[in-house]
C-alpha atoms as a PDB file:
ATOM      1  CA  MET A   1       5.835  23.455  -7.853  1.00  0.00           C
ATOM      2  CA  TYR A   2       3.743  20.477  -7.054  1.00  0.00           C
ATOM      3  CA  GLY A   3       4.345  18.458  -9.910  1.00  0.00           C
ATOM      4  CA  VAL A   4       8.339  18.978 -10.095  1.00  0.00           C
ATOM      5  CA  ILE A   5       9.918  19.375  -6.375  1.00  0.00           C
ATOM      6  CA  HIS A   6      10.581  15.931  -4.962  1.00  0.00           C
ATOM      7  CA  ASN A   7      12.793  15.068  -2.222  1.00  0.00           C
ATOM      8  CA  ALA A   8      14.389  17.995  -2.286  1.00  0.00           C
ATOM      9  CA  ASP A   9      17.451  19.518   0.023  1.00  0.00           C
ATOM     10  CA  ILE A  10      17.914  22.293   2.145  1.00  0.00           C
ATOM     11  CA  TYR A  11      21.154  23.272   2.084  1.00  0.00           C
ATOM     12  CA  ASP A  12      23.019  26.759   3.677  1.00  0.00           C
ATOM     13  CA  LEU A  13      19.814  26.933   6.460  1.00  0.00           C
ATOM     14  CA  LYS A  14      20.981  29.978   8.229  1.00  0.00           C
ATOM     15  CA  GLN A  15      19.613  32.700  11.466  1.00  0.00           C
ATOM     16  CA  ASN A  16      20.676  36.292  10.331  1.00  0.00           C
ATOM     17  CA  ASP A  17      21.395  39.269  12.104  1.00  0.00           C
ATOM     18  CA  ASP A  18      17.755  40.646  11.477  1.00  0.00           C
ATOM     19  CA  GLY A  19      15.898  38.370  12.518  1.00  0.00           C
ATOM     20  CA  SER A  20      15.303  36.792   9.006  1.00  0.00           C
ATOM     21  CA  ILE A  21      15.909  32.912   8.180  1.00  0.00           C
ATOM     22  CA  SER A  22      17.394  31.969   4.789  1.00  0.00           C
ATOM     23  CA  PHE A  23      18.101  28.741   3.001  1.00  0.00           C
ATOM     24  CA  VAL A  24      18.792  27.773  -0.686  1.00  0.00           C
ATOM     25  CA  VAL A  25      16.360  24.089  -1.995  1.00  0.00           C
ATOM     26  CA  LEU A  26      17.817  22.635  -4.579  1.00  0.00           C
ATOM     27  CA  ASP A  27      16.407  19.502  -6.808  1.00  0.00           C
ATOM     28  CA  TYR A  28      17.996  17.633  -9.365  1.00  0.00           C
ATOM     29  CA  TYR A  29      14.794  18.105 -12.142  1.00  0.00           C
ATOM     30  CA  ASP A  30      15.079  14.159 -13.113  1.00  0.00           C
ATOM     31  CA  PHE A  31      12.006  13.126 -14.892  1.00  0.00           C
ATOM     32  CA  GLU A  32      10.740   8.672 -13.098  1.00  0.00           C
ATOM     33  CA  HIS A  33       7.896   7.557 -14.776  1.00  0.00           C
ATOM     34  CA  TRP A  34       4.473   7.870 -13.014  1.00  0.00           C
ATOM     35  CA  GLY A  35       1.775   5.644 -13.134  1.00  0.00           C
ATOM     36  CA  ILE A  36      -1.696   6.053 -14.022  1.00  0.00           C
ATOM     37  CA  LYS A  37      -4.702   5.207 -13.009  1.00  0.00           C
ATOM     38  CA  MET A  38      -8.466   5.552 -14.343  1.00  0.00           C
ATOM     39  CA  ASN A  39      -9.904   6.550 -10.972  1.00  0.00           C
ATOM     40  CA  GLU A  40      -7.571   9.672 -10.710  1.00  0.00           C
ATOM     41  CA  GLY A  41      -9.008  13.335 -11.157  1.00  0.00           C
ATOM     42  CA  LEU A  42      -8.105  15.123 -13.900  1.00  0.00           C
ATOM     43  CA  LYS A  43      -5.253  17.245 -12.187  1.00  0.00           C
ATOM     44  CA  ASP A  44      -3.163  14.329 -11.441  1.00  0.00           C
ATOM     45  CA  THR A  45      -3.857  12.457 -14.267  1.00  0.00           C
ATOM     46  CA  ALA A  46      -2.993  16.014 -16.247  1.00  0.00           C
ATOM     47  CA  ILE A  47       0.720  16.136 -14.200  1.00  0.00           C
ATOM     48  CA  LYS A  48       1.410  12.537 -14.279  1.00  0.00           C
ATOM     49  CA  TYR A  49       0.682  12.714 -18.230  1.00  0.00           C
ATOM     50  CA  ILE A  50       2.912  16.141 -18.057  1.00  0.00           C
ATOM     51  CA  ASN A  51       5.971  14.404 -16.341  1.00  0.00           C
ATOM     52  CA  ASN A  52       5.329  11.477 -18.229  1.00  0.00           C
ATOM     53  CA  ASN A  53       5.277  13.057 -21.552  1.00  0.00           C
ATOM     54  CA  ALA A  54       9.315  14.765 -20.311  1.00  0.00           C
ATOM     55  CA  ASP A  55       9.928  11.383 -18.796  1.00  0.00           C
ATOM     56  CA  LYS A  56      10.200   9.900 -22.766  1.00  0.00           C
ATOM     57  CA  GLN A  57      11.923  12.921 -24.006  1.00  0.00           C
ATOM     58  CA  GLN A  58      14.454  13.171 -20.963  1.00  0.00           C
ATOM     59  CA  LYS A  59      15.173   9.069 -22.068  1.00  0.00           C
ATOM     60  CA  GLY A  60      15.253   9.832 -25.860  1.00  0.00           C
ATOM     61  CA  GLY A  61      17.798  11.939 -24.692  1.00  0.00           C
ATOM     62  CA  TYR A  62      15.684  16.051 -25.812  1.00  0.00           C
ATOM     63  CA  LEU A  63      15.700  17.125 -22.291  1.00  0.00           C
ATOM     64  CA  LYS A  64      18.573  16.954 -20.086  1.00  0.00           C
ATOM     65  CA  PRO A  65      18.593  16.748 -16.300  1.00  0.00           C
ATOM     66  CA  TYR A  66      19.671  19.755 -14.307  1.00  0.00           C
ATOM     67  CA  ILE A  67      19.186  21.177 -10.611  1.00  0.00           C
ATOM     68  CA  LEU A  68      16.498  23.826  -9.261  1.00  0.00           C
ATOM     69  CA  TYR A  69      17.923  26.280  -6.852  1.00  0.00           C
ATOM     70  CA  ILE A  70      16.144  28.428  -5.446  1.00  0.00           C
ATOM     71  CA  PRO A  71      16.983  30.777  -2.596  1.00  0.00           C
ATOM     72  CA  ILE A  72      14.549  31.190   0.631  1.00  0.00           C
ATOM     73  CA  LYS A  73      14.473  34.491   2.478  1.00  0.00           C
ATOM     74  CA  ILE A  74      11.791  34.565   5.671  1.00  0.00           C
ATOM     75  CA  PRO A  75      11.669  38.000   7.192  1.00  0.00           C
ATOM     76  CA  THR A  76      11.962  38.529  10.794  1.00  0.00           C
ATOM     77  CA  ASN A  77       7.792  39.104  11.462  1.00  0.00           C
ATOM     78  CA  LYS A  78       6.995  36.035   9.250  1.00  0.00           C
ATOM     79  CA  PHE A  79       8.756  33.694  10.868  1.00  0.00           C
ATOM     80  CA  LYS A  80       7.560  34.774  15.012  1.00  0.00           C
ATOM     81  CA  LYS A  81       4.052  34.196  13.192  1.00  0.00           C
ATOM     82  CA  PHE A  82       5.134  30.445  13.324  1.00  0.00           C
END
């Protein structure tokens, strides 16, 4: 998800009756061009190349933006460790 989720919004944050916490992460999957620098590592360069390829496809009308909808629930036993 490193190259995917940016500027996401969190909705419906609540504590459930069992003590767990749940919420929904929404991110509009809409690409934009990222500059590539010569001194970046292979991982960052590859991620930016893939992103820029998707940006080019989106601008060409071959890839439509969409929404990532990610429901998350943190059980009580995990939450108490924070």
